[in-house]
């Protein structure tokens, strides 16, 4: 799972996924710090740097090596940088997931 430090380190996502039998893998502390920095110092300011994209894709590849079978893009800005075609496991864009669920609830 990638996101802000709060998202990666707090139990909200981990607990919900665990209740469904899904183990959450998060990056080490140094990597979490850089993911967080990129979100706040770059992505939230509209900066899409190729070096950051490379960092994120390498991070995802390392998580796959650690057993991840998919990646949660757990912050609204991350899908600006990472797309499904950038990774070789399913990418779950939580912004799209939440917006789709809200739309379905609204029309029912």
PDB file of N, CA and C in Angstrom:
ATOM      1  N   UNK A   1       0.836  -1.170   0.000  1.00  0.00           N
ATOM      2  CA  UNK A   1       0.000   0.000   0.000  1.00  0.00           C
ATOM      3  C   UNK A   1       0.886   1.239   0.000  1.00  0.00           C
ATOM      4  N   UNK A   2       0.553   2.183  -0.868  1.00  0.00           N
ATOM      5  CA  UNK A   2       1.240   3.461  -0.919  1.00  0.00           C
ATOM      6  C   UNK A   2       0.249   4.563  -0.550  1.00  0.00           C
ATOM      7  N   UNK A   3       0.728   5.583   0.129  1.00  0.00           N
ATOM      8  CA  UNK A   3      -0.110   6.713   0.506  1.00  0.00           C
ATOM      9  C   UNK A   3       0.701   7.666   1.354  1.00  0.00           C
ATOM     10  N   UNK A   4       0.012   8.568   2.016  1.00  0.00           N
ATOM     11  CA  UNK A   4       0.706   9.440   2.963  1.00  0.00           C
ATOM     12  C   UNK A   4       1.209   8.575   4.113  1.00  0.00           C
ATOM     13  N   UNK A   5       2.110   9.121   4.911  1.00  0.00           N
ATOM     14  CA  UNK A   5       2.597   8.356   6.064  1.00  0.00           C
ATOM     15  C   UNK A   5       1.433   7.921   6.945  1.00  0.00           C
ATOM     16  N   UNK A   6       0.478   8.819   7.146  1.00  0.00           N
ATOM     17  CA  UNK A   6      -0.685   8.509   7.975  1.00  0.00           C
ATOM     18  C   UNK A   6      -1.418   7.284   7.423  1.00  0.00           C
ATOM     19  N   UNK A   7      -1.669   7.286   6.127  1.00  0.00           N
ATOM     20  CA  UNK A   7      -2.375   6.168   5.500  1.00  0.00           C
ATOM     21  C   UNK A   7      -1.585   4.870   5.624  1.00  0.00           C
ATOM     22  N   UNK A   8      -0.284   4.937   5.392  1.00  0.00           N
ATOM     23  CA  UNK A   8       0.525   3.717   5.432  1.00  0.00           C
ATOM     24  C   UNK A   8       0.738   3.210   6.854  1.00  0.00           C
ATOM     25  N   UNK A   9       0.807   4.102   7.832  1.00  0.00           N
ATOM     26  CA  UNK A   9       1.200   3.712   9.182  1.00  0.00           C
ATOM     27  C   UNK A   9       0.043   3.489  10.148  1.00  0.00           C
ATOM     28  N   UNK A  10      -1.100   4.109   9.902  1.00  0.00           N
ATOM     29  CA  UNK A  10      -2.240   3.932  10.808  1.00  0.00           C
ATOM     30  C   UNK A  10      -3.002   2.669  10.434  1.00  0.00           C
ATOM     31  N   UNK A  11      -3.827   2.205  11.320  1.00  0.00           N
ATOM     32  CA  UNK A  11      -4.454   0.893  11.178  1.00  0.00           C
ATOM     33  C   UNK A  11      -5.704   0.869  10.302  1.00  0.00           C
ATOM     34  N   UNK A  12      -6.251   2.020   9.889  1.00  0.00           N
ATOM     35  CA  UNK A  12      -7.534   2.017   9.196  1.00  0.00           C
ATOM     36  C   UNK A  12      -7.568   1.041   8.025  1.00  0.00           C
ATOM     37  N   UNK A  13      -6.728   1.246   7.024  1.00  0.00           N
ATOM     38  CA  UNK A  13      -6.731   0.359   5.866  1.00  0.00           C
ATOM     39  C   UNK A  13      -6.310  -1.048   6.247  1.00  0.00           C
ATOM     40  N   UNK A  14      -5.267  -1.152   7.044  1.00  0.00           N
ATOM     41  CA  UNK A  14      -4.744  -2.461   7.435  1.00  0.00           C
ATOM     42  C   UNK A  14      -5.826  -3.290   8.129  1.00  0.00           C
ATOM     43  N   UNK A  15      -6.571  -2.685   9.053  1.00  0.00           N
ATOM     44  CA  UNK A  15      -7.615  -3.407   9.777  1.00  0.00           C
ATOM     45  C   UNK A  15      -8.753  -3.844   8.858  1.00  0.00           C
ATOM     46  N   UNK A  16      -9.192  -2.960   7.983  1.00  0.00           N
ATOM     47  CA  UNK A  16     -10.282  -3.298   7.062  1.00  0.00           C
ATOM     48  C   UNK A  16      -9.846  -4.428   6.132  1.00  0.00           C
ATOM     49  N   UNK A  17      -8.666  -4.314   5.561  1.00  0.00           N
ATOM     50  CA  UNK A  17      -8.180  -5.353   4.664  1.00  0.00           C
ATOM     51  C   UNK A  17      -7.960  -6.665   5.403  1.00  0.00           C
ATOM     52  N   UNK A  18      -7.430  -6.596   6.610  1.00  0.00           N
ATOM     53  CA  UNK A  18      -7.211  -7.790   7.418  1.00  0.00           C
ATOM     54  C   UNK A  18      -8.529  -8.512   7.698  1.00  0.00           C
ATOM     55  N   UNK A  19      -9.590  -7.750   7.943  1.00  0.00           N
ATOM     56  CA  UNK A  19     -10.893  -8.362   8.219  1.00  0.00           C
ATOM     57  C   UNK A  19     -11.422  -9.124   7.008  1.00  0.00           C
ATOM     58  N   UNK A  20     -10.863  -8.847   5.834  1.00  0.00           N
ATOM     59  CA  UNK A  20     -11.238  -9.544   4.602  1.00  0.00           C
ATOM     60  C   UNK A  20     -10.202 -10.602   4.213  1.00  0.00           C
ATOM     61  N   UNK A  21      -9.242 -10.849   5.117  1.00  0.00           N
ATOM     62  CA  UNK A  21      -8.225 -11.855   4.855  1.00  0.00           C
ATOM     63  C   UNK A  21      -7.092 -11.386   3.959  1.00  0.00           C
ATOM     64  N   UNK A  22      -6.924 -10.081   3.849  1.00  0.00           N
ATOM     65  CA  UNK A  22      -5.874  -9.518   2.990  1.00  0.00           C
ATOM     66  C   UNK A  22      -4.779  -8.928   3.863  1.00  0.00           C
ATOM     67  N   UNK A  23      -3.558  -9.411   3.660  1.00  0.00           N
ATOM     68  CA  UNK A  23      -2.412  -8.879   4.392  1.00  0.00           C
ATOM     69  C   UNK A  23      -1.880  -7.642   3.667  1.00  0.00           C
ATOM     70  N   UNK A  24      -1.596  -6.602   4.412  1.00  0.00           N
ATOM     71  CA  UNK A  24      -1.087  -5.356   3.835  1.00  0.00           C
ATOM     72  C   UNK A  24       0.422  -5.295   3.995  1.00  0.00           C
ATOM     73  N   UNK A  25       1.099  -4.983   2.898  1.00  0.00           N
ATOM     74  CA  UNK A  25       2.547  -4.811   2.898  1.00  0.00           C
ATOM     75  C   UNK A  25       2.819  -3.331   2.668  1.00  0.00           C
ATOM     76  N   UNK A  26       3.628  -2.742   3.551  1.00  0.00           N
ATOM     77  CA  UNK A  26       3.986  -1.331   3.370  1.00  0.00           C
ATOM     78  C   UNK A  26       5.510  -1.210   3.277  1.00  0.00           C
ATOM     79  N   UNK A  27       5.965  -0.146   2.648  1.00  0.00           N
ATOM     80  CA  UNK A  27       7.419   0.057   2.513  1.00  0.00           C
ATOM     81  C   UNK A  27       8.090   0.346   3.854  1.00  0.00           C
ATOM     82  N   UNK A  28       9.416   0.262   3.871  1.00  0.00           N
ATOM     83  CA  UNK A  28      10.179   0.594   5.080  1.00  0.00           C
ATOM     84  C   UNK A  28      10.071   2.091   5.368  1.00  0.00           C
ATOM     85  N   UNK A  29      10.538   2.509   6.526  1.00  0.00           N
ATOM     86  CA  UNK A  29      10.356   3.889   6.983  1.00  0.00           C
ATOM     87  C   UNK A  29      10.985   4.917   6.048  1.00  0.00           C
ATOM     88  N   UNK A  30      12.176   4.655   5.537  1.00  0.00           N
ATOM     89  CA  UNK A  30      12.827   5.614   4.638  1.00  0.00           C
ATOM     90  C   UNK A  30      12.022   5.781   3.355  1.00  0.00           C
ATOM     91  N   UNK A  31      11.525   4.678   2.841  1.00  0.00           N
ATOM     92  CA  UNK A  31      10.714   4.730   1.625  1.00  0.00           C
ATOM     93  C   UNK A  31       9.386   5.430   1.894  1.00  0.00           C
ATOM     94  N   UNK A  32       8.774   5.150   3.043  1.00  0.00           N
ATOM     95  CA  UNK A  32       7.523   5.841   3.406  1.00  0.00           C
ATOM     96  C   UNK A  32       7.748   7.348   3.472  1.00  0.00           C
ATOM     97  N   UNK A  33       8.861   7.754   4.049  1.00  0.00           N
ATOM     98  CA  UNK A  33       9.176   9.182   4.136  1.00  0.00           C
ATOM     99  C   UNK A  33       9.253   9.817   2.741  1.00  0.00           C
ATOM    100  N   UNK A  34       9.886   9.131   1.809  1.00  0.00           N
ATOM    101  CA  UNK A  34      10.034   9.686   0.456  1.00  0.00           C
ATOM    102  C   UNK A  34       8.696   9.675  -0.284  1.00  0.00           C
ATOM    103  N   UNK A  35       7.912   8.636  -0.126  1.00  0.00           N
ATOM    104  CA  UNK A  35       6.575   8.598  -0.735  1.00  0.00           C
ATOM    105  C   UNK A  35       5.760   9.787  -0.247  1.00  0.00           C
ATOM    106  N   UNK A  36       5.783  10.013   1.053  1.00  0.00           N
ATOM    107  CA  UNK A  36       5.053  11.119   1.677  1.00  0.00           C
ATOM    108  C   UNK A  36       5.558  12.468   1.142  1.00  0.00           C
ATOM    109  N   UNK A  37       6.870  12.617   1.073  1.00  0.00           N
ATOM    110  CA  UNK A  37       7.460  13.864   0.576  1.00  0.00           C
ATOM    111  C   UNK A  37       7.013  14.149  -0.854  1.00  0.00           C
ATOM    112  N   UNK A  38       7.056  13.137  -1.694  1.00  0.00           N
ATOM    113  CA  UNK A  38       6.654  13.322  -3.093  1.00  0.00           C
ATOM    114  C   UNK A  38       5.194  13.771  -3.172  1.00  0.00           C
ATOM    115  N   UNK A  39       4.342  13.172  -2.361  1.00  0.00           N
ATOM    116  CA  UNK A  39       2.928  13.560  -2.371  1.00  0.00           C
ATOM    117  C   UNK A  39       2.776  15.038  -2.027  1.00  0.00           C
ATOM    118  N   UNK A  40       3.390  15.471  -0.930  1.00  0.00           N
ATOM    119  CA  UNK A  40       3.189  16.840  -0.455  1.00  0.00           C
ATOM    120  C   UNK A  40       4.028  17.894  -1.178  1.00  0.00           C
ATOM    121  N   UNK A  41       5.264  17.556  -1.534  1.00  0.00           N
ATOM    122  CA  UNK A  41       6.150  18.552  -2.137  1.00  0.00           C
ATOM    123  C   UNK A  41       6.054  18.596  -3.662  1.00  0.00           C
ATOM    124  N   UNK A  42       5.528  17.542  -4.262  1.00  0.00           N
ATOM    125  CA  UNK A  42       5.478  17.489  -5.727  1.00  0.00           C
ATOM    126  C   UNK A  42       4.051  17.317  -6.247  1.00  0.00           C
ATOM    127  N   UNK A  43       3.464  16.160  -5.999  1.00  0.00           N
ATOM    128  CA  UNK A  43       2.175  15.841  -6.603  1.00  0.00           C
ATOM    129  C   UNK A  43       1.079  16.831  -6.238  1.00  0.00           C
ATOM    130  N   UNK A  44       1.007  17.216  -4.974  1.00  0.00           N
ATOM    131  CA  UNK A  44      -0.036  18.156  -4.560  1.00  0.00           C
ATOM    132  C   UNK A  44       0.174  19.551  -5.151  1.00  0.00           C
ATOM    133  N   UNK A  45       1.354  19.775  -5.723  1.00  0.00           N
ATOM    134  CA  UNK A  45       1.664  21.053  -6.370  1.00  0.00           C
ATOM    135  C   UNK A  45       1.701  20.921  -7.894  1.00  0.00           C
ATOM    136  N   UNK A  46       1.229  19.774  -8.392  1.00  0.00           N
ATOM    137  CA  UNK A  46       1.168  19.563  -9.831  1.00  0.00           C
ATOM    138  C   UNK A  46       2.478  19.184 -10.486  1.00  0.00           C
ATOM    139  N   UNK A  47       3.485  18.839  -9.694  1.00  0.00           N
ATOM    140  CA  UNK A  47       4.783  18.446 -10.245  1.00  0.00           C
ATOM    141  C   UNK A  47       4.804  16.941 -10.449  1.00  0.00           C
ATOM    142  N   UNK A  48       4.989  16.512 -11.695  1.00  0.00           N
ATOM    143  CA  UNK A  48       5.063  15.094 -12.023  1.00  0.00           C
ATOM    144  C   UNK A  48       6.462  14.815 -12.556  1.00  0.00           C
ATOM    145  N   UNK A  49       7.357  14.446 -11.662  1.00  0.00           N
ATOM    146  CA  UNK A  49       8.759  14.256 -12.028  1.00  0.00           C
ATOM    147  C   UNK A  49       9.041  12.799 -12.394  1.00  0.00           C
ATOM    148  N   UNK A  50       9.811  12.614 -13.452  1.00  0.00           N
ATOM    149  CA  UNK A  50      10.145  11.256 -13.885  1.00  0.00           C
ATOM    150  C   UNK A  50      10.955  10.516 -12.823  1.00  0.00           C
ATOM    151  N   UNK A  51      11.779  11.247 -12.084  1.00  0.00           N
ATOM    152  CA  UNK A  51      12.560  10.598 -11.023  1.00  0.00           C
ATOM    153  C   UNK A  51      11.648  10.045  -9.926  1.00  0.00           C
ATOM    154  N   UNK A  52      10.582  10.753  -9.627  1.00  0.00           N
ATOM    155  CA  UNK A  52       9.639  10.275  -8.613  1.00  0.00           C
ATOM    156  C   UNK A  52       8.845   9.088  -9.130  1.00  0.00           C
ATOM    157  N   UNK A  53       8.472   9.131 -10.405  1.00  0.00           N
ATOM    158  CA  UNK A  53       7.763   7.990 -10.990  1.00  0.00           C
ATOM    159  C   UNK A  53       8.648   6.746 -10.930  1.00  0.00           C
ATOM    160  N   UNK A  54       9.924   6.918 -11.268  1.00  0.00           N
ATOM    161  CA  UNK A  54      10.861   5.788 -11.185  1.00  0.00           C
ATOM    162  C   UNK A  54      10.959   5.282  -9.753  1.00  0.00           C
ATOM    163  N   UNK A  55      11.048   6.186  -8.795  1.00  0.00           N
ATOM    164  CA  UNK A  55      11.106   5.792  -7.389  1.00  0.00           C
ATOM    165  C   UNK A  55       9.862   4.991  -6.999  1.00  0.00           C
ATOM    166  N   UNK A  56       8.699   5.460  -7.378  1.00  0.00           N
ATOM    167  CA  UNK A  56       7.451   4.766  -7.032  1.00  0.00           C
ATOM    168  C   UNK A  56       7.387   3.394  -7.699  1.00  0.00           C
ATOM    169  N   UNK A  57       7.727   3.308  -8.979  1.00  0.00           N
ATOM    170  CA  UNK A  57       7.656   2.003  -9.651  1.00  0.00           C
ATOM    171  C   UNK A  57       8.686   1.038  -9.075  1.00  0.00           C
ATOM    172  N   UNK A  58       9.871   1.521  -8.728  1.00  0.00           N
ATOM    173  CA  UNK A  58      10.858   0.651  -8.079  1.00  0.00           C
ATOM    174  C   UNK A  58      10.379   0.215  -6.703  1.00  0.00           C
ATOM    175  N   UNK A  59       9.720   1.107  -5.984  1.00  0.00           N
ATOM    176  CA  UNK A  59       9.156   0.758  -4.676  1.00  0.00           C
ATOM    177  C   UNK A  59       8.116  -0.332  -4.836  1.00  0.00           C
ATOM    178  N   UNK A  60       7.254  -0.195  -5.824  1.00  0.00           N
ATOM    179  CA  UNK A  60       6.218  -1.207  -6.068  1.00  0.00           C
ATOM    180  C   UNK A  60       6.871  -2.542  -6.414  1.00  0.00           C
ATOM    181  N   UNK A  61       7.906  -2.526  -7.242  1.00  0.00           N
ATOM    182  CA  UNK A  61       8.602  -3.771  -7.587  1.00  0.00           C
ATOM    183  C   UNK A  61       9.213  -4.420  -6.343  1.00  0.00           C
ATOM    184  N   UNK A  62       9.740  -3.624  -5.442  1.00  0.00           N
ATOM    185  CA  UNK A  62      10.286  -4.168  -4.191  1.00  0.00           C
ATOM    186  C   UNK A  62       9.185  -4.777  -3.333  1.00  0.00           C
ATOM    187  N   UNK A  63       8.008  -4.140  -3.299  1.00  0.00           N
ATOM    188  CA  UNK A  63       6.890  -4.688  -2.538  1.00  0.00           C
ATOM    189  C   UNK A  63       6.430  -6.016  -3.144  1.00  0.00           C
ATOM    190  N   UNK A  64       6.457  -6.103  -4.470  1.00  0.00           N
ATOM    191  CA  UNK A  64       6.099  -7.357  -5.139  1.00  0.00           C
ATOM    192  C   UNK A  64       7.088  -8.448  -4.740  1.00  0.00           C
ATOM    193  N   UNK A  65       8.369  -8.110  -4.701  1.00  0.00           N
ATOM    194  CA  UNK A  65       9.385  -9.079  -4.258  1.00  0.00           C
ATOM    195  C   UNK A  65       9.130  -9.537  -2.831  1.00  0.00           C
ATOM    196  N   UNK A  66       8.521  -8.642  -2.014  1.00  0.00           N
ATOM    197  CA  UNK A  66       8.190  -8.975  -0.630  1.00  0.00           C
ATOM    198  C   UNK A  66       6.854  -9.692  -0.499  1.00  0.00           C
ATOM    199  N   UNK A  67       6.217  -9.992  -1.634  1.00  0.00           N
ATOM    200  CA  UNK A  67       4.988 -10.771  -1.608  1.00  0.00           C
ATOM    201  C   UNK A  67       3.718 -10.049  -1.999  1.00  0.00           C
ATOM    202  N   UNK A  68       3.789  -8.770  -2.292  1.00  0.00           N
ATOM    203  CA  UNK A  68       2.579  -8.042  -2.687  1.00  0.00           C
ATOM    204  C   UNK A  68       2.046  -8.577  -4.011  1.00  0.00           C
ATOM    205  N   UNK A  69       0.740  -8.757  -4.066  1.00  0.00           N
ATOM    206  CA  UNK A  69       0.097  -9.253  -5.283  1.00  0.00           C
ATOM    207  C   UNK A  69      -0.709  -8.166  -5.971  1.00  0.00           C
ATOM    208  N   UNK A  70      -0.703  -6.986  -5.402  1.00  0.00           N
ATOM    209  CA  UNK A  70      -1.390  -5.828  -5.947  1.00  0.00           C
ATOM    210  C   UNK A  70      -0.866  -4.607  -5.222  1.00  0.00           C
ATOM    211  N   UNK A  71      -1.224  -3.421  -5.729  1.00  0.00           N
ATOM    212  CA  UNK A  71      -0.782  -2.192  -5.077  1.00  0.00           C
ATOM    213  C   UNK A  71      -1.982  -1.271  -4.905  1.00  0.00           C
ATOM    214  N   UNK A  72      -2.139  -0.776  -3.680  1.00  0.00           N
ATOM    215  CA  UNK A  72      -3.187   0.189  -3.379  1.00  0.00           C
ATOM    216  C   UNK A  72      -2.585   1.576  -3.526  1.00  0.00           C
ATOM    217  N   UNK A  73      -3.150   2.352  -4.426  1.00  0.00           N
ATOM    218  CA  UNK A  73      -2.748   3.751  -4.604  1.00  0.00           C
ATOM    219  C   UNK A  73      -3.644   4.546  -3.668  1.00  0.00           C
ATOM    220  N   UNK A  74      -3.219   4.614  -2.404  1.00  0.00           N
ATOM    221  CA  UNK A  74      -4.063   5.087  -1.318  1.00  0.00           C
ATOM    222  C   UNK A  74      -4.019   6.573  -1.051  1.00  0.00           C
ATOM    223  N   UNK A  75      -3.845   7.362  -2.076  1.00  0.00           N
ATOM    224  CA  UNK A  75      -3.839   8.825  -1.936  1.00  0.00           C
ATOM    225  C   UNK A  75      -4.336   9.392  -3.265  1.00  0.00           C
ATOM    226  N   UNK A  76      -5.127  10.445  -3.205  1.00  0.00           N
ATOM    227  CA  UNK A  76      -5.726  10.985  -4.429  1.00  0.00           C
ATOM    228  C   UNK A  76      -4.699  11.412  -5.466  1.00  0.00           C
ATOM    229  N   UNK A  77      -3.516  11.808  -5.046  1.00  0.00           N
ATOM    230  CA  UNK A  77      -2.521  12.303  -5.998  1.00  0.00           C
ATOM    231  C   UNK A  77      -1.685  11.202  -6.666  1.00  0.00           C
ATOM    232  N   UNK A  78      -1.540  10.061  -6.049  1.00  0.00           N
ATOM    233  CA  UNK A  78      -0.649   9.030  -6.607  1.00  0.00           C
ATOM    234  C   UNK A  78      -1.047   8.592  -8.016  1.00  0.00           C
ATOM    235  N   UNK A  79      -2.347   8.449  -8.344  1.00  0.00           N
ATOM    236  CA  UNK A  79      -2.694   8.061  -9.711  1.00  0.00           C
ATOM    237  C   UNK A  79      -2.328   9.099 -10.778  1.00  0.00           C
ATOM    238  N   UNK A  80      -1.949  10.298 -10.358  1.00  0.00           N
ATOM    239  CA  UNK A  80      -1.413  11.258 -11.324  1.00  0.00           C
ATOM    240  C   UNK A  80      -0.056  10.790 -11.835  1.00  0.00           C
ATOM    241  N   UNK A  81       0.640  10.016 -11.019  1.00  0.00           N
ATOM    242  CA  UNK A  81       2.006   9.573 -11.314  1.00  0.00           C
ATOM    243  C   UNK A  81       2.059   8.119 -11.768  1.00  0.00           C
ATOM    244  N   UNK A  82       1.260   7.274 -11.130  1.00  0.00           N
ATOM    245  CA  UNK A  82       1.302   5.832 -11.392  1.00  0.00           C
ATOM    246  C   UNK A  82      -0.021   5.380 -11.994  1.00  0.00           C
ATOM    247  N   UNK A  83       0.062   4.676 -13.109  1.00  0.00           N
ATOM    248  CA  UNK A  83      -1.100   4.112 -13.807  1.00  0.00           C
ATOM    249  C   UNK A  83      -0.976   2.591 -13.809  1.00  0.00           C
ATOM    250  N   UNK A  84      -2.077   1.920 -14.117  1.00  0.00           N
ATOM    251  CA  UNK A  84      -2.057   0.462 -14.172  1.00  0.00           C
ATOM    252  C   UNK A  84      -0.956  -0.045 -15.101  1.00  0.00           C
ATOM    253  N   UNK A  85      -0.776   0.593 -16.230  1.00  0.00           N
ATOM    254  CA  UNK A  85       0.224   0.117 -17.194  1.00  0.00           C
ATOM    255  C   UNK A  85       1.664   0.276 -16.705  1.00  0.00           C
ATOM    256  N   UNK A  86       1.856   0.977 -15.594  1.00  0.00           N
ATOM    257  CA  UNK A  86       3.202   1.158 -15.040  1.00  0.00           C
ATOM    258  C   UNK A  86       3.641   0.001 -14.153  1.00  0.00           C
ATOM    259  N   UNK A  87       2.708  -0.856 -13.772  1.00  0.00           N
ATOM    260  CA  UNK A  87       3.015  -1.949 -12.843  1.00  0.00           C
ATOM    261  C   UNK A  87       2.469  -3.258 -13.384  1.00  0.00           C
ATOM    262  N   UNK A  88       3.061  -4.365 -12.944  1.00  0.00           N
ATOM    263  CA  UNK A  88       2.644  -5.671 -13.456  1.00  0.00           C
ATOM    264  C   UNK A  88       1.801  -6.463 -12.457  1.00  0.00           C
ATOM    265  N   UNK A  89       1.167  -5.753 -11.532  1.00  0.00           N
ATOM    266  CA  UNK A  89       0.183  -6.338 -10.621  1.00  0.00           C
ATOM    267  C   UNK A  89      -1.034  -5.406 -10.649  1.00  0.00           C
ATOM    268  N   UNK A  90      -2.186  -5.870 -10.189  1.00  0.00           N
ATOM    269  CA  UNK A  90      -3.338  -4.969 -10.157  1.00  0.00           C
ATOM    270  C   UNK A  90      -3.052  -3.720  -9.315  1.00  0.00           C
ATOM    271  N   UNK A  91      -3.444  -2.559  -9.844  1.00  0.00           N
ATOM    272  CA  UNK A  91      -3.313  -1.288  -9.132  1.00  0.00           C
ATOM    273  C   UNK A  91      -4.715  -0.834  -8.742  1.00  0.00           C
ATOM    274  N   UNK A  92      -4.907  -0.575  -7.455  1.00  0.00           N
ATOM    275  CA  UNK A  92      -6.206  -0.180  -6.942  1.00  0.00           C
ATOM    276  C   UNK A  92      -6.180   1.305  -6.597  1.00  0.00           C
ATOM    277  N   UNK A  93      -6.838   2.097  -7.421  1.00  0.00           N
ATOM    278  CA  UNK A  93      -6.906   3.548  -7.255  1.00  0.00           C
ATOM    279  C   UNK A  93      -8.055   3.844  -6.296  1.00  0.00           C
ATOM    280  N   UNK A  94      -7.737   4.179  -5.054  1.00  0.00           N
ATOM    281  CA  UNK A  94      -8.786   4.363  -4.050  1.00  0.00           C
ATOM    282  C   UNK A  94      -9.689   5.549  -4.363  1.00  0.00           C
ATOM    283  N   UNK A  95      -9.192   6.539  -5.071  1.00  0.00           N
ATOM    284  CA  UNK A  95     -10.044   7.661  -5.454  1.00  0.00           C
ATOM    285  C   UNK A  95     -11.149   7.189  -6.388  1.00  0.00           C
ATOM    286  N   UNK A  96     -10.779   6.430  -7.403  1.00  0.00           N
ATOM    287  CA  UNK A  96     -11.765   5.896  -8.340  1.00  0.00           C
ATOM    288  C   UNK A  96     -12.704   4.918  -7.644  1.00  0.00           C
ATOM    289  N   UNK A  97     -12.166   4.081  -6.777  1.00  0.00           N
ATOM    290  CA  UNK A  97     -12.998   3.117  -6.050  1.00  0.00           C
ATOM    291  C   UNK A  97     -14.039   3.843  -5.205  1.00  0.00           C
ATOM    292  N   UNK A  98     -13.618   4.860  -4.463  1.00  0.00           N
ATOM    293  CA  UNK A  98     -14.557   5.605  -3.620  1.00  0.00           C
ATOM    294  C   UNK A  98     -15.576   6.376  -4.458  1.00  0.00           C
ATOM    295  N   UNK A  99     -15.127   7.022  -5.523  1.00  0.00           N
ATOM    296  CA  UNK A  99     -16.042   7.793  -6.366  1.00  0.00           C
ATOM    297  C   UNK A  99     -17.066   6.887  -7.033  1.00  0.00           C
ATOM    298  N   UNK A 100     -16.644   5.721  -7.494  1.00  0.00           N
ATOM    299  CA  UNK A 100     -17.567   4.771  -8.115  1.00  0.00           C
ATOM    300  C   UNK A 100     -18.592   4.271  -7.107  1.00  0.00           C
ATOM    301  N   UNK A 101     -18.150   3.954  -5.908  1.00  0.00           N
ATOM    302  CA  UNK A 101     -19.075   3.489  -4.865  1.00  0.00           C
ATOM    303  C   UNK A 101     -20.077   4.588  -4.508  1.00  0.00           C
ATOM    304  N   UNK A 102     -19.612   5.822  -4.409  1.00  0.00           N
ATOM    305  CA  UNK A 102     -20.514   6.942  -4.080  1.00  0.00           C
ATOM    306  C   UNK A 102     -21.541   7.144  -5.190  1.00  0.00           C
ATOM    307  N   UNK A 103     -21.113   7.059  -6.425  1.00  0.00           N
ATOM    308  CA  UNK A 103     -22.031   7.187  -7.549  1.00  0.00           C
ATOM    309  C   UNK A 103     -23.088   6.094  -7.514  1.00  0.00           C
ATOM    310  N   UNK A 104     -22.664   4.855  -7.293  1.00  0.00           N
ATOM    311  CA  UNK A 104     -23.617   3.742  -7.244  1.00  0.00           C
ATOM    312  C   UNK A 104     -24.616   3.918  -6.121  1.00  0.00           C
ATOM    313  N   UNK A 105     -24.138   4.402  -4.961  1.00  0.00           N
ATOM    314  CA  UNK A 105     -25.043   4.652  -3.844  1.00  0.00           C
ATOM    315  C   UNK A 105     -26.040   5.771  -4.196  1.00  0.00           C
ATOM    316  N   UNK A 106     -25.567   6.769  -4.910  1.00  0.00           N
ATOM    317  CA  UNK A 106     -26.415   7.914  -5.246  1.00  0.00           C
ATOM    318  C   UNK A 106     -27.537   7.557  -6.227  1.00  0.00           C
ATOM    319  N   UNK A 107     -27.268   6.598  -7.109  1.00  0.00           N
ATOM    320  CA  UNK A 107     -28.285   6.251  -8.117  1.00  0.00           C
ATOM    321  C   UNK A 107     -29.215   5.136  -7.651  1.00  0.00           C
ATOM    322  N   UNK A 108     -28.921   4.545  -6.513  1.00  0.00           N
ATOM    323  CA  UNK A 108     -29.796   3.462  -6.012  1.00  0.00           C
ATOM    324  C   UNK A 108     -30.776   3.964  -5.010  1.00  0.00           C
TER     325      UNK A 108
END
